[in-house]
Amino acid sequence: MIIAGLNLDIVWKDKNKNFQLIEEQLGNTTADLFLLPEMFSTGFCMDAAEVSDQNEESLVFLKKMAKEKNAAFAGSSPVEDSGKFFNRMYFVQPDGQYAYYDKRHLFTFSGEDKIYSPGKKRVIVEYKGVRFLLQVCYDLRFPVFARNNDDYDAILYVANWPEKRVGAWEHLLKARAIENLSYVFGVNRIGIDGNNLLYPESSHFFFGDGREISDKKRNITSGELNMEELQSFRDHFQFLNDRDYFSIQ
């Protein structure tokens, strides 16, 4: 399975422009699964009432792209649902089926917790025989929530993680791969956002032993997920058998 992440310079608060850029920049790129950054349609914006999807605009766009590319698409957008705002990560399949995960760990440093509501559950999606754990940005700092209980093969992180803390982003992605004997793909935005924060290119794809397997060309970071290789690695190094067990409230 080929996974490709788009390092998108998100246009602040302009959904239509971002949809256009995604279509243009993916061009003729082929993959089984495409990843887009956190809040790919607006940027990481706290003006939820202004920018949040009211009519599933981002979901409609992802369904369109998944059908056209005959590939799955995943990324998060601000969404209003039942009078509340969520940072919602969609996973959309080519046939239009989809699942979503609402970001659980809201970034208090930016006041996200004052605007958006937290998700209440972990979400794992199976696609083409691979089980994916869906995670958003700040979730990366909380390893208990991402603990592998033999229920997934890869973690997908979509993020707006700025330059000031990008070292933590890169180290923690690798750590999540090693401790969970799992593939980990983290896609980050690039450019400068509406808060004047800089985002360098820093998307990464790691194997379960911490090796980076990213192929970087222009604005696309990609790599191959090989389930036979992963299963062989897990069969040899059965570290998960010795894991601690946690109850997540």
Protein backbone atom coordinates (compact mmCIF):
# COMPACT_ATOMS: atom_id res chain seq x y z
CA MET A 1 0.00 0.00 0.00
CA ILE A 2 1.31 3.44 -0.97
CA ILE A 3 0.51 6.35 1.34
CA ALA A 4 1.11 9.94 0.26
CA GLY A 5 0.91 13.04 2.44
CA LEU A 6 0.48 16.53 0.98
CA ASN A 7 2.63 19.20 2.62
CA LEU A 8 0.07 21.94 2.06
CA ASP A 9 0.60 25.67 2.53
CA ILE A 10 -2.95 26.19 3.79
CA VAL A 11 -4.63 29.45 2.78
CA TRP A 12 -6.06 31.07 5.91
CA LYS A 13 -9.85 30.73 6.16
CA ASP A 14 -10.38 30.05 2.45
CA LYS A 15 -11.94 26.64 1.87
CA ASN A 16 -12.48 26.92 -1.86
CA LYS A 17 -8.91 28.06 -2.47
CA ASN A 18 -7.55 25.18 -0.38
CA PHE A 19 -9.73 22.67 -2.20
CA GLN A 20 -8.40 24.04 -5.48
CA LEU A 21 -4.77 23.87 -4.29
CA ILE A 22 -5.16 20.26 -3.14
CA GLU A 23 -6.53 19.20 -6.51
CA GLU A 24 -3.77 21.03 -8.37
CA GLN A 25 -0.90 19.87 -6.17
CA LEU A 26 -1.89 16.23 -6.11
CA GLY A 27 -2.09 16.37 -9.90
CA ASN A 28 -1.27 12.97 -11.38
CA THR A 29 0.10 11.57 -8.10
CA THR A 30 -1.15 8.06 -7.41
CA ALA A 31 -1.48 6.35 -4.04
CA ASP A 32 -3.80 4.07 -2.12
CA LEU A 33 -4.25 6.61 0.66
CA PHE A 34 -3.75 10.38 0.65
CA LEU A 35 -3.25 12.36 3.88
CA LEU A 36 -4.00 16.06 4.27
CA PRO A 37 -2.92 18.22 7.24
CA GLU A 38 -5.01 19.20 10.25
CA MET A 39 -7.73 21.72 9.37
CA PHE A 40 -6.66 21.48 5.73
CA SER A 41 -9.59 23.62 4.60
CA THR A 42 -9.02 26.66 6.85
CA GLY A 43 -5.79 26.51 8.82
CA PHE A 44 -5.68 25.96 12.60
CA CYS A 45 -8.22 28.65 13.34
CA MET A 46 -10.07 29.41 16.58
CA ASP A 47 -12.79 31.44 14.82
CA ALA A 48 -14.93 28.33 14.75
CA ALA A 49 -18.27 30.06 14.18
CA GLU A 50 -16.84 31.70 11.07
CA VAL A 51 -14.92 28.82 9.49
CA SER A 52 -16.55 25.56 10.59
CA ASP A 53 -18.36 23.41 8.06
CA GLN A 54 -22.11 23.86 8.30
CA ASN A 55 -23.02 21.58 5.40
CA GLU A 56 -20.18 19.03 5.38
CA GLU A 57 -18.27 21.00 2.76
CA SER A 58 -14.95 19.33 3.54
CA LEU A 59 -16.49 15.87 3.63
CA VAL A 60 -18.13 16.45 0.25
CA PHE A 61 -14.75 17.53 -1.15
CA LEU A 62 -12.98 14.46 0.27
CA LYS A 63 -15.61 12.17 -1.20
CA LYS A 64 -15.13 13.82 -4.58
CA MET A 65 -11.35 13.43 -4.42
CA ALA A 66 -11.54 9.83 -3.21
CA LYS A 67 -13.80 8.91 -6.11
CA GLU A 68 -11.68 10.72 -8.70
CA LYS A 69 -8.40 9.29 -7.40
CA ASN A 70 -9.86 5.86 -6.58
CA ALA A 71 -8.04 6.16 -3.26
CA ALA A 72 -8.83 6.85 0.39
CA PHE A 73 -8.41 10.38 1.77
CA ALA A 74 -7.89 11.47 5.38
CA GLY A 75 -7.58 14.90 6.97
CA SER A 76 -9.28 17.10 9.56
CA SER A 77 -11.55 20.12 9.33
CA PRO A 78 -13.45 22.33 11.78
CA VAL A 79 -17.06 21.14 11.90
CA GLU A 80 -20.22 22.29 13.65
CA ASP A 81 -22.37 19.40 14.83
CA SER A 82 -25.43 19.65 17.09
CA GLY A 83 -24.47 23.13 18.25
CA LYS A 84 -20.88 22.20 19.11
CA PHE A 85 -17.60 22.63 17.23
CA PHE A 86 -15.21 19.73 16.60
CA ASN A 87 -11.78 19.32 15.04
CA ARG A 88 -12.94 16.34 13.00
CA MET A 89 -10.68 13.93 11.11
CA TYR A 90 -12.36 12.12 8.24
CA PHE A 91 -11.27 8.88 6.60
CA VAL A 92 -13.09 8.58 3.27
CA GLN A 93 -12.95 5.56 0.97
CA PRO A 94 -13.36 5.63 -2.83
CA ASP A 95 -16.91 4.25 -2.65
CA GLY A 96 -17.99 7.13 -0.39
CA GLN A 97 -17.99 5.21 2.87
CA TYR A 98 -16.37 7.19 5.65
CA ALA A 99 -15.52 7.23 9.33
CA TYR A 100 -14.55 10.17 11.50
CA TYR A 101 -12.62 10.85 14.65
CA ASP A 102 -13.07 13.99 16.76
CA LYS A 103 -9.78 15.21 18.23
CA ARG A 104 -9.67 14.20 21.89
CA HIS A 105 -6.68 16.21 23.17
CA LEU A 106 -7.43 19.85 22.49
CA PHE A 107 -4.48 22.24 22.47
CA THR A 108 -5.01 24.31 25.62
CA PHE A 109 -1.92 26.44 24.86
CA SER A 110 -3.84 28.01 21.96
CA GLY A 111 -7.26 27.96 23.63
CA GLU A 112 -8.61 25.22 21.39
CA ASP A 113 -10.30 23.66 24.42
CA LYS A 114 -12.31 26.84 24.95
CA ILE A 115 -13.76 26.72 21.42
CA TYR A 116 -13.93 23.10 20.32
CA SER A 117 -15.39 20.08 22.09
CA PRO A 118 -13.25 16.97 22.67
CA GLY A 119 -13.93 13.63 21.07
CA LYS A 120 -14.95 10.78 23.34
CA LYS A 121 -13.52 7.69 21.65
CA ARG A 122 -10.60 6.21 19.76
CA VAL A 123 -11.33 5.39 16.15
CA ILE A 124 -9.70 2.63 14.12
CA VAL A 125 -10.52 2.19 10.43
CA GLU A 126 -9.76 -0.87 8.32
CA TYR A 127 -8.89 -0.28 4.68
CA LYS A 128 -7.40 -2.77 2.24
CA GLY A 129 -6.53 -5.12 5.07
CA VAL A 130 -4.71 -2.48 7.14
CA ARG A 131 -6.04 -1.15 10.46
CA PHE A 132 -5.43 2.60 10.92
CA LEU A 133 -5.65 4.53 14.20
CA LEU A 134 -6.79 8.10 13.51
CA GLN A 135 -5.07 10.87 15.50
CA VAL A 136 -4.82 14.67 15.29
CA CYS A 137 -1.77 16.79 16.13
CA TYR A 138 -1.67 17.30 19.94
CA ASP A 139 -2.81 13.68 20.44
CA LEU A 140 0.79 12.79 19.63
CA ARG A 141 1.94 13.90 23.10
CA PHE A 142 -0.27 11.34 24.87
CA PRO A 143 1.08 7.80 24.39
CA VAL A 144 -1.49 6.04 26.58
CA PHE A 145 -4.28 7.08 24.22
CA ALA A 146 -2.33 5.69 21.25
CA ARG A 147 -1.25 2.44 22.95
CA ASN A 148 -1.37 -0.53 20.60
CA ASN A 149 -3.62 -3.23 22.04
CA ASP A 150 -3.10 -5.47 19.03
CA ASP A 151 -5.89 -3.55 17.36
CA TYR A 152 -4.09 -1.50 14.68
CA ASP A 153 -1.17 -1.62 12.24
CA ALA A 154 -0.53 2.06 11.54
CA ILE A 155 -1.16 5.44 13.15
CA LEU A 156 -2.09 8.44 11.02
CA TYR A 157 -1.31 11.86 12.51
CA VAL A 158 -2.49 15.02 10.74
CA ALA A 159 -1.10 18.23 12.17
CA ASN A 160 -0.37 21.95 12.24
CA TRP A 161 2.85 21.67 14.30
CA PRO A 162 4.94 24.86 14.13
CA GLU A 163 8.69 25.26 13.75
CA LYS A 164 9.21 26.24 17.40
CA ARG A 165 8.27 22.73 18.54
CA VAL A 166 8.99 20.69 15.42
CA GLY A 167 11.79 18.74 17.15
CA ALA A 168 9.22 17.29 19.55
CA TRP A 169 6.95 16.39 16.62
CA GLU A 170 9.69 14.43 14.88
CA HIS A 171 10.95 12.62 17.98
CA LEU A 172 7.48 11.70 19.19
CA LEU A 173 6.42 10.31 15.81
CA LYS A 174 9.40 7.97 15.89
CA ALA A 175 8.71 7.06 19.53
CA ARG A 176 5.08 6.14 18.78
CA ALA A 177 6.31 3.83 16.00
CA ILE A 178 8.91 2.10 18.19
CA GLU A 179 6.78 1.62 21.30
CA ASN A 180 3.78 0.33 19.36
CA LEU A 181 5.61 -1.77 16.74
CA SER A 182 3.55 0.12 14.21
CA TYR A 183 3.85 2.18 11.08
CA VAL A 184 3.43 5.88 11.85
CA PHE A 185 2.75 8.54 9.23
CA GLY A 186 2.63 12.18 10.34
CA VAL A 187 1.69 14.85 7.81
CA ASN A 188 2.26 18.50 8.71
CA ARG A 189 1.33 21.72 6.94
CA ILE A 190 3.95 24.13 5.57
CA GLY A 191 4.18 27.90 5.18
CA ILE A 192 3.03 30.70 7.50
CA ASP A 193 -0.47 30.72 8.96
CA GLY A 194 -2.82 33.53 9.98
CA ASN A 195 -1.21 33.65 13.41
CA ASN A 196 2.19 34.30 11.80
CA LEU A 197 3.50 30.88 12.82
CA LEU A 198 6.04 29.21 10.55
CA TYR A 199 5.71 25.57 9.54
CA PRO A 200 8.71 23.91 7.88
CA GLU A 201 8.38 20.77 5.78
CA SER A 202 8.33 18.03 8.42
CA SER A 203 6.12 15.15 7.32
CA HIS A 204 7.53 11.71 8.14
CA PHE A 205 6.74 8.02 7.65
CA PHE A 206 8.32 5.54 10.10
CA PHE A 207 8.47 1.76 10.28
CA GLY A 208 7.90 -0.02 13.61
CA ASP A 209 11.62 -0.10 14.45
CA GLY A 210 11.96 3.69 14.07
CA ARG A 211 13.44 3.67 10.56
CA GLU A 212 12.26 6.50 8.36
CA ILE A 213 10.82 5.19 5.11
CA SER A 214 9.75 8.51 3.59
CA ASP A 215 10.22 9.37 -0.06
CA LYS A 216 10.10 13.15 -0.48
CA LYS A 217 9.46 14.75 -3.84
CA ARG A 218 8.41 18.37 -4.14
CA ASN A 219 5.43 18.85 -1.83
CA ILE A 220 4.59 15.14 -1.42
CA THR A 221 5.90 12.80 1.28
CA SER A 222 5.15 9.16 0.52
CA GLY A 223 6.09 5.62 1.40
CA GLU A 224 5.07 1.98 1.17
CA LEU A 225 3.25 0.13 3.92
CA ASN A 226 4.05 -3.59 3.73
CA MET A 227 1.95 -5.77 6.01
CA GLU A 228 4.08 -8.87 5.49
CA GLU A 229 7.18 -7.00 6.63
CA LEU A 230 5.34 -5.58 9.65
CA GLN A 231 3.95 -8.96 10.68
CA SER A 232 7.36 -10.59 10.37
CA PHE A 233 8.85 -7.85 12.54
CA ARG A 234 6.14 -8.26 15.18
CA ASP A 235 6.48 -12.04 15.17
CA HIS A 236 10.20 -11.73 15.84
CA PHE A 237 10.09 -8.91 18.39
CA GLN A 238 7.04 -9.68 20.51
CA PHE A 239 7.47 -6.67 22.79
CA LEU A 240 3.75 -5.89 22.85
CA ASN A 241 3.17 -9.06 24.86
CA ASP A 242 4.87 -7.32 27.80
CA ARG A 243 2.93 -4.07 27.62
CA ASP A 244 1.08 -2.47 30.52
CA TYR A 245 -2.68 -2.18 30.36
CA PHE A 246 -4.55 1.07 30.86
CA SER A 247 -8.16 2.10 31.15
CA ILE A 248 -8.80 5.36 29.30
CA GLN A 249 -11.57 7.49 30.77
